[in-house]
C-alpha atoms as a PDB file:
ATOM      1  CA  MET A   1      97.512 124.110  94.456  1.00  0.00           C
ATOM      2  CA  HIS A   2     100.550 124.429  92.019  1.00  0.00           C
ATOM      3  CA  ARG A   3     104.030 125.404  92.374  1.00  0.00           C
ATOM      4  CA  LEU A   4     105.643 127.766  89.870  1.00  0.00           C
ATOM      5  CA  ALA A   5     108.698 125.955  87.950  1.00  0.00           C
ATOM      6  CA  CYS A   6     109.556 128.898  85.768  1.00  0.00           C
ATOM      7  CA  LEU A   7     107.644 132.560  86.166  1.00  0.00           C
ATOM      8  CA  LEU A   8     104.294 132.510  85.029  1.00  0.00           C
ATOM      9  CA  SER A   9     100.901 130.488  86.007  1.00  0.00           C
ATOM     10  CA  LEU A  10      97.990 129.983  83.406  1.00  0.00           C
ATOM     11  CA  ALA A  11      94.914 127.897  83.288  1.00  0.00           C
ATOM     12  CA  PHE A  12      94.818 124.371  81.579  1.00  0.00           C
ATOM     13  CA  ALA A  13      92.808 123.217  78.998  1.00  0.00           C
ATOM     14  CA  VAL A  14      94.438 120.397  77.222  1.00  0.00           C
ATOM     15  CA  ALA A  15      94.578 117.070  78.113  1.00  0.00           C
ATOM     16  CA  ALA A  16      97.569 114.763  78.001  1.00  0.00           C
ATOM     17  CA  ALA A  17      96.184 113.254  74.961  1.00  0.00           C
ATOM     18  CA  ASP A  18      97.291 115.756  73.108  1.00  0.00           C
ATOM     19  CA  LEU A  19     100.935 115.117  73.179  1.00  0.00           C
ATOM     20  CA  PRO A  20     100.857 111.301  72.623  1.00  0.00           C
ATOM     21  CA  VAL A  21     104.338 108.793  73.156  1.00  0.00           C
ATOM     22  CA  ARG A  22     106.075 109.329  70.115  1.00  0.00           C
ATOM     23  CA  GLU A  23     109.640 107.711  71.547  1.00  0.00           C
ATOM     24  CA  VAL A  24     110.652 105.152  74.281  1.00  0.00           C
ATOM     25  CA  VAL A  25     114.286 104.041  74.929  1.00  0.00           C
ATOM     26  CA  LEU A  26     114.384 101.562  78.094  1.00  0.00           C
ATOM     27  CA  TYR A  27     117.789 100.637  79.720  1.00  0.00           C
ATOM     28  CA  LYS A  28     118.853  97.756  82.055  1.00  0.00           C
ATOM     29  CA  HIS A  29     119.296 100.018  85.398  1.00  0.00           C
ATOM     30  CA  GLY A  30     115.453 101.060  85.906  1.00  0.00           C
ATOM     31  CA  VAL A  31     114.634 103.924  83.867  1.00  0.00           C
ATOM     32  CA  GLY A  32     113.295 104.541  80.531  1.00  0.00           C
ATOM     33  CA  TYR A  33     113.225 107.836  78.319  1.00  0.00           C
ATOM     34  CA  PHE A  34     110.003 109.071  77.010  1.00  0.00           C
ATOM     35  CA  ALA A  35     109.572 111.647  74.328  1.00  0.00           C
ATOM     36  CA  ARG A  36     105.911 113.067  73.749  1.00  0.00           C
ATOM     37  CA  SER A  37     105.240 115.358  70.964  1.00  0.00           C
ATOM     38  CA  GLY A  38     101.876 117.406  69.584  1.00  0.00           C
ATOM     39  CA  ARG A  39     100.584 120.682  68.564  1.00  0.00           C
ATOM     40  CA  LEU A  40      99.482 123.027  71.008  1.00  0.00           C
ATOM     41  CA  GLY A  41      97.299 125.848  70.000  1.00  0.00           C
ATOM     42  CA  ALA A  42      97.609 129.419  71.052  1.00  0.00           C
ATOM     43  CA  GLY A  43      97.290 130.061  74.553  1.00  0.00           C
ATOM     44  CA  GLU A  44      96.577 126.503  75.553  1.00  0.00           C
ATOM     45  CA  SER A  45      98.158 124.057  77.864  1.00  0.00           C
ATOM     46  CA  ALA A  46      99.184 120.577  77.852  1.00  0.00           C
ATOM     47  CA  ARG A  47      98.955 118.108  80.784  1.00  0.00           C
ATOM     48  CA  LEU A  48     101.347 115.137  81.643  1.00  0.00           C
ATOM     49  CA  ASP A  49     100.317 112.722  84.310  1.00  0.00           C
ATOM     50  CA  PHE A  50     102.447 111.122  86.329  1.00  0.00           C
ATOM     51  CA  LYS A  51     102.964 108.686  89.524  1.00  0.00           C
ATOM     52  CA  ALA A  52     103.612 110.285  92.574  1.00  0.00           C
ATOM     53  CA  GLU A  53     107.012 108.133  92.882  1.00  0.00           C
ATOM     54  CA  GLU A  54     107.797 109.550  89.500  1.00  0.00           C
ATOM     55  CA  MET A  55     108.093 113.100  90.094  1.00  0.00           C
ATOM     56  CA  ASN A  56     111.671 113.694  91.434  1.00  0.00           C
ATOM     57  CA  ASP A  57     112.866 111.942  87.932  1.00  0.00           C
ATOM     58  CA  VAL A  58     110.643 113.917  85.804  1.00  0.00           C
ATOM     59  CA  LEU A  59     111.459 117.231  87.389  1.00  0.00           C
ATOM     60  CA  LYS A  60     115.260 116.261  87.003  1.00  0.00           C
ATOM     61  CA  SER A  61     115.091 115.477  83.305  1.00  0.00           C
ATOM     62  CA  LEU A  62     112.406 117.336  81.873  1.00  0.00           C
ATOM     63  CA  THR A  63     113.078 119.036  78.548  1.00  0.00           C
ATOM     64  CA  ILE A  64     110.753 121.149  76.300  1.00  0.00           C
ATOM     65  CA  GLU A  65     111.460 121.930  72.916  1.00  0.00           C
ATOM     66  CA  GLU A  66     109.153 124.019  70.563  1.00  0.00           C
ATOM     67  CA  LYS A  67     109.144 124.668  67.072  1.00  0.00           C
ATOM     68  CA  GLY A  68     106.801 127.189  64.715  1.00  0.00           C
ATOM     69  CA  GLY A  69     107.136 130.563  67.078  1.00  0.00           C
ATOM     70  CA  GLY A  70     105.569 131.568  70.593  1.00  0.00           C
ATOM     71  CA  LYS A  71     106.858 130.635  73.720  1.00  0.00           C
ATOM     72  CA  ILE A  72     106.701 128.093  76.433  1.00  0.00           C
ATOM     73  CA  SER A  73     105.808 130.410  79.237  1.00  0.00           C
ATOM     74  CA  GLY A  74     106.016 128.379  82.325  1.00  0.00           C
ATOM     75  CA  LEU A  75     105.983 124.975  83.861  1.00  0.00           C
ATOM     76  CA  ARG A  76     103.613 124.103  86.684  1.00  0.00           C
ATOM     77  CA  TYR A  77     102.976 121.165  88.461  1.00  0.00           C
ATOM     78  CA  ASP A  78     100.817 119.557  91.455  1.00  0.00           C
ATOM     79  CA  SER A  79     102.438 120.492  95.249  1.00  0.00           C
ATOM     80  CA  SER A  80     103.705 117.304  97.289  1.00  0.00           C
ATOM     81  CA  GLU A  81     103.122 119.665 100.436  1.00  0.00           C
ATOM     82  CA  PRO A  82     101.712 117.338 103.096  1.00  0.00           C
ATOM     83  CA  LEU A  83      97.898 117.798 103.986  1.00  0.00           C
ATOM     84  CA  ALA A  84      98.351 118.791 107.401  1.00  0.00           C
ATOM     85  CA  LYS A  85     100.114 121.839 105.964  1.00  0.00           C
ATOM     86  CA  LYS A  86      97.928 122.624 103.592  1.00  0.00           C
ATOM     87  CA  LEU A  87      95.129 123.029 105.964  1.00  0.00           C
ATOM     88  CA  GLU A  88      96.693 125.125 108.127  1.00  0.00           C
ATOM     89  CA  GLU A  89      96.256 127.995 105.860  1.00  0.00           C
ATOM     90  CA  PHE A  90      92.225 127.773 106.853  1.00  0.00           C
ATOM     91  CA  PRO A  91      90.939 129.669 109.830  1.00  0.00           C
ATOM     92  CA  PHE A  92      88.889 126.076 110.943  1.00  0.00           C
ATOM     93  CA  SER A  93      89.484 122.455 111.095  1.00  0.00           C
ATOM     94  CA  ILE A  94      87.211 119.882 110.691  1.00  0.00           C
ATOM     95  CA  GLY A  95      87.871 116.473 112.677  1.00  0.00           C
ATOM     96  CA  GLY A  96      86.979 112.806 112.419  1.00  0.00           C
ATOM     97  CA  GLY A  97      83.775 112.423 113.737  1.00  0.00           C
ATOM     98  CA  GLN A  98      83.342 115.843 114.911  1.00  0.00           C
ATOM     99  CA  PRO A  99      80.065 117.338 115.750  1.00  0.00           C
ATOM    100  CA  LEU A 100      78.293 120.263 113.768  1.00  0.00           C
ATOM    101  CA  SER A 101      78.471 122.003 117.201  1.00  0.00           C
ATOM    102  CA  ALA A 102      81.966 121.948 117.405  1.00  0.00           C
ATOM    103  CA  LEU A 103      82.525 122.817 113.628  1.00  0.00           C
ATOM    104  CA  LEU A 104      80.309 125.724 113.805  1.00  0.00           C
ATOM    105  CA  ASP A 105      81.655 126.936 117.172  1.00  0.00           C
ATOM    106  CA  GLN A 106      84.900 127.753 115.350  1.00  0.00           C
ATOM    107  CA  PHE A 107      82.647 130.390 113.426  1.00  0.00           C
ATOM    108  CA  LYS A 108      82.032 132.909 116.271  1.00  0.00           C
ATOM    109  CA  GLY A 109      81.332 135.870 114.825  1.00  0.00           C
ATOM    110  CA  SER A 110      80.261 134.819 111.316  1.00  0.00           C
ATOM    111  CA  ARG A 111      76.762 135.263 110.034  1.00  0.00           C
ATOM    112  CA  VAL A 112      75.010 132.288 109.225  1.00  0.00           C
ATOM    113  CA  GLU A 113      71.602 131.526 107.488  1.00  0.00           C
ATOM    114  CA  LEU A 114      69.692 128.497 109.282  1.00  0.00           C
ATOM    115  CA  LYS A 115      66.407 127.043 107.407  1.00  0.00           C
ATOM    116  CA  PHE A 116      64.038 125.339 110.105  1.00  0.00           C
ATOM    117  CA  GLY A 117      61.151 123.864 107.222  1.00  0.00           C
ATOM    118  CA  SER A 118      59.671 127.153 106.073  1.00  0.00           C
ATOM    119  CA  GLU A 119      61.110 129.396 108.471  1.00  0.00           C
ATOM    120  CA  THR A 120      64.679 130.813 107.991  1.00  0.00           C
ATOM    121  CA  VAL A 121      66.821 132.383 110.567  1.00  0.00           C
ATOM    122  CA  VAL A 122      69.888 134.824 110.110  1.00  0.00           C
ATOM    123  CA  GLY A 123      72.142 135.817 112.907  1.00  0.00           C
ATOM    124  CA  THR A 124      75.820 136.016 114.106  1.00  0.00           C
ATOM    125  CA  ILE A 125      77.239 132.875 115.749  1.00  0.00           C
ATOM    126  CA  VAL A 126      77.853 133.400 119.446  1.00  0.00           C
ATOM    127  CA  GLY A 127      78.541 129.600 120.092  1.00  0.00           C
ATOM    128  CA  ALA A 128      77.534 126.444 119.825  1.00  0.00           C
ATOM    129  CA  ARG A 129      77.676 123.391 121.987  1.00  0.00           C
ATOM    130  CA  LYS A 130      76.100 120.075 123.254  1.00  0.00           C
ATOM    131  CA  ALA A 131      73.464 120.572 125.808  1.00  0.00           C
ATOM    132  CA  SER A 132      72.311 117.547 128.208  1.00  0.00           C
ATOM    133  CA  LEU A 133      68.806 117.224 129.651  1.00  0.00           C
ATOM    134  CA  THR A 134      66.550 114.659 130.951  1.00  0.00           C
ATOM    135  CA  ALA A 135      63.933 112.526 128.821  1.00  0.00           C
ATOM    136  CA  ASN A 136      60.932 114.040 130.244  1.00  0.00           C
ATOM    137  CA  GLN A 137      62.477 117.555 129.120  1.00  0.00           C
ATOM    138  CA  SER A 138      63.010 116.405 125.584  1.00  0.00           C
ATOM    139  CA  GLU A 139      59.662 114.997 125.189  1.00  0.00           C
ATOM    140  CA  GLN A 140      58.008 118.030 126.194  1.00  0.00           C
ATOM    141  CA  ASP A 141      60.277 120.224 124.106  1.00  0.00           C
ATOM    142  CA  GLN A 142      60.200 117.818 121.222  1.00  0.00           C
ATOM    143  CA  VAL A 143      63.893 118.068 120.569  1.00  0.00           C
ATOM    144  CA  THR A 144      66.149 115.926 118.592  1.00  0.00           C
ATOM    145  CA  LEU A 145      67.983 112.904 120.267  1.00  0.00           C
ATOM    146  CA  LEU A 146      71.552 112.587 119.718  1.00  0.00           C
ATOM    147  CA  VAL A 147      73.226 110.583 122.289  1.00  0.00           C
ATOM    148  CA  ALA A 148      71.457 108.695 125.074  1.00  0.00           C
ATOM    149  CA  SER A 149      73.196 107.563 128.213  1.00  0.00           C
ATOM    150  CA  GLY A 150      70.903 106.329 130.704  1.00  0.00           C
ATOM    151  CA  ASN A 151      68.261 109.061 131.587  1.00  0.00           C
ATOM    152  CA  GLN A 152      70.432 111.798 130.196  1.00  0.00           C
ATOM    153  CA  LEU A 153      70.369 113.011 126.724  1.00  0.00           C
ATOM    154  CA  GLU A 154      72.053 115.308 124.538  1.00  0.00           C
ATOM    155  CA  ARG A 155      70.988 117.716 121.999  1.00  0.00           C
ATOM    156  CA  GLU A 156      73.312 119.988 119.806  1.00  0.00           C
ATOM    157  CA  GLN A 157      72.380 123.802 120.243  1.00  0.00           C
ATOM    158  CA  ILE A 158      73.567 127.243 118.647  1.00  0.00           C
ATOM    159  CA  THR A 159      73.147 130.527 119.918  1.00  0.00           C
ATOM    160  CA  LEU A 160      72.738 133.467 117.451  1.00  0.00           C
ATOM    161  CA  LEU A 161      72.908 137.000 117.839  1.00  0.00           C
ATOM    162  CA  MET A 162      70.045 138.440 115.909  1.00  0.00           C
ATOM    163  CA  ASP A 163      69.548 141.654 113.904  1.00  0.00           C
ATOM    164  CA  SER A 164      67.096 142.720 116.536  1.00  0.00           C
ATOM    165  CA  GLY A 165      69.652 142.541 119.054  1.00  0.00           C
ATOM    166  CA  ASP A 166      67.819 139.257 120.739  1.00  0.00           C
ATOM    167  CA  VAL A 167      69.941 136.281 121.499  1.00  0.00           C
ATOM    168  CA  ARG A 168      68.070 132.950 120.485  1.00  0.00           C
ATOM    169  CA  ASN A 169      69.253 129.398 121.355  1.00  0.00           C
ATOM    170  CA  LEU A 170      68.466 127.170 118.296  1.00  0.00           C
ATOM    171  CA  ASP A 171      68.321 123.198 118.083  1.00  0.00           C
ATOM    172  CA  LEU A 172      70.637 122.054 115.249  1.00  0.00           C
ATOM    173  CA  GLY A 173      69.100 118.906 115.093  1.00  0.00           C
ATOM    174  CA  ALA A 174      65.941 120.510 113.516  1.00  0.00           C
ATOM    175  CA  VAL A 175      67.891 122.679 110.828  1.00  0.00           C
ATOM    176  CA  SER A 176      67.327 121.402 107.192  1.00  0.00           C
ATOM    177  CA  SER A 177      69.902 123.537 105.902  1.00  0.00           C
ATOM    178  CA  LEU A 178      72.471 125.753 106.583  1.00  0.00           C
ATOM    179  CA  ARG A 179      74.702 128.750 104.474  1.00  0.00           C
ATOM    180  CA  PHE A 180      77.384 131.048 105.355  1.00  0.00           C
ATOM    181  CA  THR A 181      75.961 134.754 104.268  1.00  0.00           C
ATOM    182  CA  ASP A 182      80.059 135.673 103.587  1.00  0.00           C
ATOM    183  CA  PRO A 183      80.837 134.455 100.157  1.00  0.00           C
ATOM    184  CA  LYS A 184      84.310 134.293 100.988  1.00  0.00           C
ATOM    185  CA  LEU A 185      83.927 132.331 103.965  1.00  0.00           C
ATOM    186  CA  GLN A 186      81.553 130.078 101.966  1.00  0.00           C
ATOM    187  CA  LEU A 187      83.948 129.380  99.271  1.00  0.00           C
ATOM    188  CA  GLN A 188      86.849 128.808 102.207  1.00  0.00           C
ATOM    189  CA  PHE A 189      84.766 125.919 103.035  1.00  0.00           C
ATOM    190  CA  LYS A 190      84.207 124.675  99.766  1.00  0.00           C
ATOM    191  CA  ASP A 191      88.256 124.903  99.120  1.00  0.00           C
ATOM    192  CA  TYR A 192      88.765 123.070 102.485  1.00  0.00           C
ATOM    193  CA  LEU A 193      86.335 120.174 101.689  1.00  0.00           C
ATOM    194  CA  ALA A 194      88.157 120.149  98.036  1.00  0.00           C
ATOM    195  CA  THR A 195      91.787 119.857  99.361  1.00  0.00           C
ATOM    196  CA  LEU A 196      90.727 116.874 101.645  1.00  0.00           C
ATOM    197  CA  ALA A 197      89.082 115.182  98.612  1.00  0.00           C
ATOM    198  CA  GLN A 198      92.275 115.765  96.526  1.00  0.00           C
ATOM    199  CA  SER A 199      94.634 114.336  99.172  1.00  0.00           C
ATOM    200  CA  ARG A 200      92.960 110.688  98.546  1.00  0.00           C
ATOM    201  CA  SER A 201      94.402 111.257  95.149  1.00  0.00           C
ATOM    202  CA  LYS A 202      97.599 110.124  96.099  1.00  0.00           C
ATOM    203  CA  ASP A 203      98.958 108.551  93.227  1.00  0.00           C
ATOM    204  CA  LYS A 204      98.618 111.050  90.635  1.00  0.00           C
ATOM    205  CA  ARG A 205     100.503 114.049  89.858  1.00  0.00           C
ATOM    206  CA  SER A 206     100.074 116.128  86.737  1.00  0.00           C
ATOM    207  CA  VAL A 207     102.334 118.632  85.073  1.00  0.00           C
ATOM    208  CA  TYR A 208     101.387 121.569  82.998  1.00  0.00           C
ATOM    209  CA  ILE A 209     102.895 123.109  80.047  1.00  0.00           C
ATOM    210  CA  ASP A 210     101.662 126.833  79.783  1.00  0.00           C
ATOM    211  CA  SER A 211     102.222 128.840  76.519  1.00  0.00           C
ATOM    212  CA  THR A 212     101.514 132.500  74.996  1.00  0.00           C
ATOM    213  CA  ASP A 213      98.768 133.222  72.895  1.00  0.00           C
ATOM    214  CA  SER A 214     100.800 134.353  69.919  1.00  0.00           C
ATOM    215  CA  GLY A 215     100.033 131.355  67.687  1.00  0.00           C
ATOM    216  CA  ALA A 216     100.125 127.407  67.569  1.00  0.00           C
ATOM    217  CA  ARG A 217     103.081 125.516  67.501  1.00  0.00           C
ATOM    218  CA  GLU A 218     104.835 121.998  67.710  1.00  0.00           C
ATOM    219  CA  ILE A 219     106.152 120.929  70.958  1.00  0.00           C
ATOM    220  CA  GLN A 220     108.095 117.901  72.228  1.00  0.00           C
ATOM    221  CA  ALA A 221     108.422 117.113  75.961  1.00  0.00           C
ATOM    222  CA  SER A 222     111.337 114.280  76.764  1.00  0.00           C
ATOM    223  CA  TYR A 223     112.037 113.456  80.447  1.00  0.00           C
ATOM    224  CA  MET A 224     113.152 109.977  82.606  1.00  0.00           C
ATOM    225  CA  ILE A 225     110.919 107.754  84.704  1.00  0.00           C
ATOM    226  CA  PRO A 226     111.407 104.700  86.749  1.00  0.00           C
ATOM    227  CA  SER A 227     110.512 101.785  84.201  1.00  0.00           C
ATOM    228  CA  PRO A 228     110.679  98.105  84.659  1.00  0.00           C
ATOM    229  CA  VAL A 229     114.146  96.368  83.386  1.00  0.00           C
ATOM    230  CA  TRP A 230     113.371  94.877  80.163  1.00  0.00           C
ATOM    231  CA  LYS A 231     114.190  90.780  79.895  1.00  0.00           C
ATOM    232  CA  SER A 232     115.922  88.951  77.282  1.00  0.00           C
ATOM    233  CA  SER A 233     114.771  85.538  76.400  1.00  0.00           C
ATOM    234  CA  TYR A 234     116.477  82.843  73.712  1.00  0.00           C
ATOM    235  CA  ARG A 235     115.369  79.457  72.392  1.00  0.00           C
ATOM    236  CA  LEU A 236     116.797  77.427  69.619  1.00  0.00           C
ATOM    237  CA  ILE A 237     114.434  75.888  67.123  1.00  0.00           C
ATOM    238  CA  LEU A 238     115.280  72.960  65.548  1.00  0.00           C
ATOM    239  CA  GLY A 239     113.474  72.653  61.667  1.00  0.00           C
ATOM    240  CA  GLU A 240     112.954  69.575  59.584  1.00  0.00           C
ATOM    241  CA  SER A 241     115.953  70.556  57.461  1.00  0.00           C
ATOM    242  CA  GLY A 242     117.795  69.965  60.627  1.00  0.00           C
ATOM    243  CA  GLN A 243     119.290  73.654  60.198  1.00  0.00           C
ATOM    244  CA  PRO A 244     118.925  75.205  63.929  1.00  0.00           C
ATOM    245  CA  THR A 245     117.720  78.696  64.101  1.00  0.00           C
ATOM    246  CA  LEU A 246     118.300  81.117  67.311  1.00  0.00           C
ATOM    247  CA  GLU A 247     115.627  83.494  67.887  1.00  0.00           C
ATOM    248  CA  GLY A 248     116.058  85.880  70.526  1.00  0.00           C
ATOM    249  CA  TRP A 249     113.275  87.977  72.273  1.00  0.00           C
ATOM    250  CA  ALA A 250     112.602  91.024  74.312  1.00  0.00           C
ATOM    251  CA  ILE A 251     110.217  91.105  77.059  1.00  0.00           C
ATOM    252  CA  VAL A 252     108.748  94.777  77.787  1.00  0.00           C
ATOM    253  CA  ASP A 253     106.483  95.713  80.373  1.00  0.00           C
ATOM    254  CA  ASN A 254     104.452  98.713  79.767  1.00  0.00           C
ATOM    255  CA  THR A 255     103.439 100.472  83.070  1.00  0.00           C
ATOM    256  CA  THR A 256     102.617 103.952  81.867  1.00  0.00           C
ATOM    257  CA  GLY A 257      98.940 103.712  81.157  1.00  0.00           C
ATOM    258  CA  ASP A 258      99.579 105.039  77.589  1.00  0.00           C
ATOM    259  CA  ASP A 259      99.382 103.081  74.543  1.00  0.00           C
ATOM    260  CA  TRP A 260     102.272 102.642  72.395  1.00  0.00           C
ATOM    261  CA  THR A 261     100.803 103.157  69.427  1.00  0.00           C
ATOM    262  CA  ASN A 262     103.026 104.381  66.469  1.00  0.00           C
ATOM    263  CA  VAL A 263     106.193 104.726  69.142  1.00  0.00           C
ATOM    264  CA  ARG A 264     110.057 104.187  68.081  1.00  0.00           C
ATOM    265  CA  LEU A 265     111.202 101.632  70.664  1.00  0.00           C
ATOM    266  CA  ALA A 266     114.862 101.090  71.609  1.00  0.00           C
ATOM    267  CA  LEU A 267     116.424  98.820  74.176  1.00  0.00           C
ATOM    268  CA  VAL A 268     119.876  99.402  75.435  1.00  0.00           C
ATOM    269  CA  SER A 269     121.246  96.557  77.425  1.00  0.00           C
ATOM    270  CA  GLY A 270     124.103  99.511  78.973  1.00  0.00           C
ATOM    271  CA  ARG A 271     123.536 100.339  82.689  1.00  0.00           C
ATOM    272  CA  PRO A 272     124.584 104.449  82.909  1.00  0.00           C
ATOM    273  CA  ILE A 273     124.525 105.950  86.233  1.00  0.00           C
ATOM    274  CA  SER A 274     121.487 106.454  87.220  1.00  0.00           C
ATOM    275  CA  PHE A 275     120.642 108.417  91.056  1.00  0.00           C
ATOM    276  CA  ILE A 276     117.686 110.046  92.969  1.00  0.00           C
ATOM    277  CA  SER A 277     117.436 113.524  93.524  1.00  0.00           C
ATOM    278  CA  LYS A 278     115.136 114.821  96.175  1.00  0.00           C
ATOM    279  CA  LEU A 279     113.516 117.539  93.939  1.00  0.00           C
ATOM    280  CA  TYR A 280     109.692 116.976  94.685  1.00  0.00           C
ATOM    281  CA  GLU A 281     109.300 117.195  98.385  1.00  0.00           C
ATOM    282  CA  PRO A 282     109.263 120.758  99.577  1.00  0.00           C
ATOM    283  CA  ARG A 283     112.128 121.578 102.045  1.00  0.00           C
ATOM    284  CA  TYR A 284     112.035 124.409 104.784  1.00  0.00           C
ATOM    285  CA  MET A 285     115.063 125.548 106.754  1.00  0.00           C
ATOM    286  CA  ASP A 286     115.020 126.854 110.287  1.00  0.00           C
ATOM    287  CA  ARG A 287     116.428 130.388 110.937  1.00  0.00           C
ATOM    288  CA  PRO A 288     117.717 131.961 113.742  1.00  0.00           C
ATOM    289  CA  GLU A 289     115.595 134.540 115.307  1.00  0.00           C
ATOM    290  CA  ALA A 290     117.276 138.041 115.772  1.00  0.00           C
ATOM    291  CA  GLU A 291     115.914 139.557 118.647  1.00  0.00           C
ATOM    292  CA  LEU A 292     115.371 143.404 118.808  1.00  0.00           C
ATOM    293  CA  PRO A 293     117.294 145.207 121.246  1.00  0.00           C
ATOM    294  CA  GLU A 294     115.589 146.255 124.118  1.00  0.00           C
ATOM    295  CA  GLU A 295     115.136 150.566 124.389  1.00  0.00           C
ATOM    296  CA  ALA A 296     115.223 151.442 128.015  1.00  0.00           C
ATOM    297  CA  SER A 297     114.327 155.189 128.642  1.00  0.00           C
ATOM    298  CA  LEU A 298     116.829 157.689 129.938  1.00  0.00           C
ATOM    299  CA  ARG A 299     116.319 159.571 133.362  1.00  0.00           C
ATOM    300  CA  PRO A 300     118.232 162.208 135.142  1.00  0.00           C
ATOM    301  CA  LEU A 301     120.133 160.865 137.832  1.00  0.00           C
ATOM    302  CA  ALA A 302     120.291 162.623 141.122  1.00  0.00           C
ATOM    303  CA  ALA A 303     123.573 163.422 142.771  1.00  0.00           C
ATOM    304  CA  ARG A 304     124.429 162.042 145.787  1.00  0.00           C
ATOM    305  CA  ARG A 305     126.294 164.475 148.445  1.00  0.00           C
END
């Protein structure tokens, strides 16, 4: 999911390598200035990858310059919306260790296709549950055993309303495949799992630079992000001639994940003012509720004598 930084949102197709680092300026107060530039084709998008903790500084300082016609139509970036809030948009939930019957029970009224070997069963979900039965009964019915506790056994069942009007109880343990017949519901299920998978990538966030399709152009993206403080080291060398030589070394740590090849590097000993603005995290405001006035019907009043 992405939030709009400008007006438009287009599909991206260009990797971050298309905008290599050209200039780096490191300061003594824990931030660095970075400039990337490259050629952006007509209708293409460029992607810049950052760490999650860098996004506040990126959104505060990111500047885009373009040359050669065309327009930058918009900027997009990966949302930091909490996972629980993203999952609230779905009409179902998948809990840790949740049995299949508990999941399917949330889809009451949805049509599902079940395969039992060579047999295919299609119907509308009435409900799903765990059913307890004795060990002797399970052997006679040849059901799948899920949980054994003493002489009590459990199996998962689903109840379907068939197109013929019959209601059937089916053993979920014997199901070889399951599919929702509603394409929209099937897509929601895939999106739910994709959201869970994306949430595990907590460190990486991307910013997308979108362009119009009027023509190619050269663009430059500059920003500031937290960077290790560069360090200095000095040594005095006494040669055979007796003339001392003083050397000064700058120690720079590249923690960006990009190779600084053909990069103009500048080291600044000053300490400009630097602060963090919480721009990345979504903010929600509590609003008061305005109740509608109650409407009472009027009726004639009886006069008393």
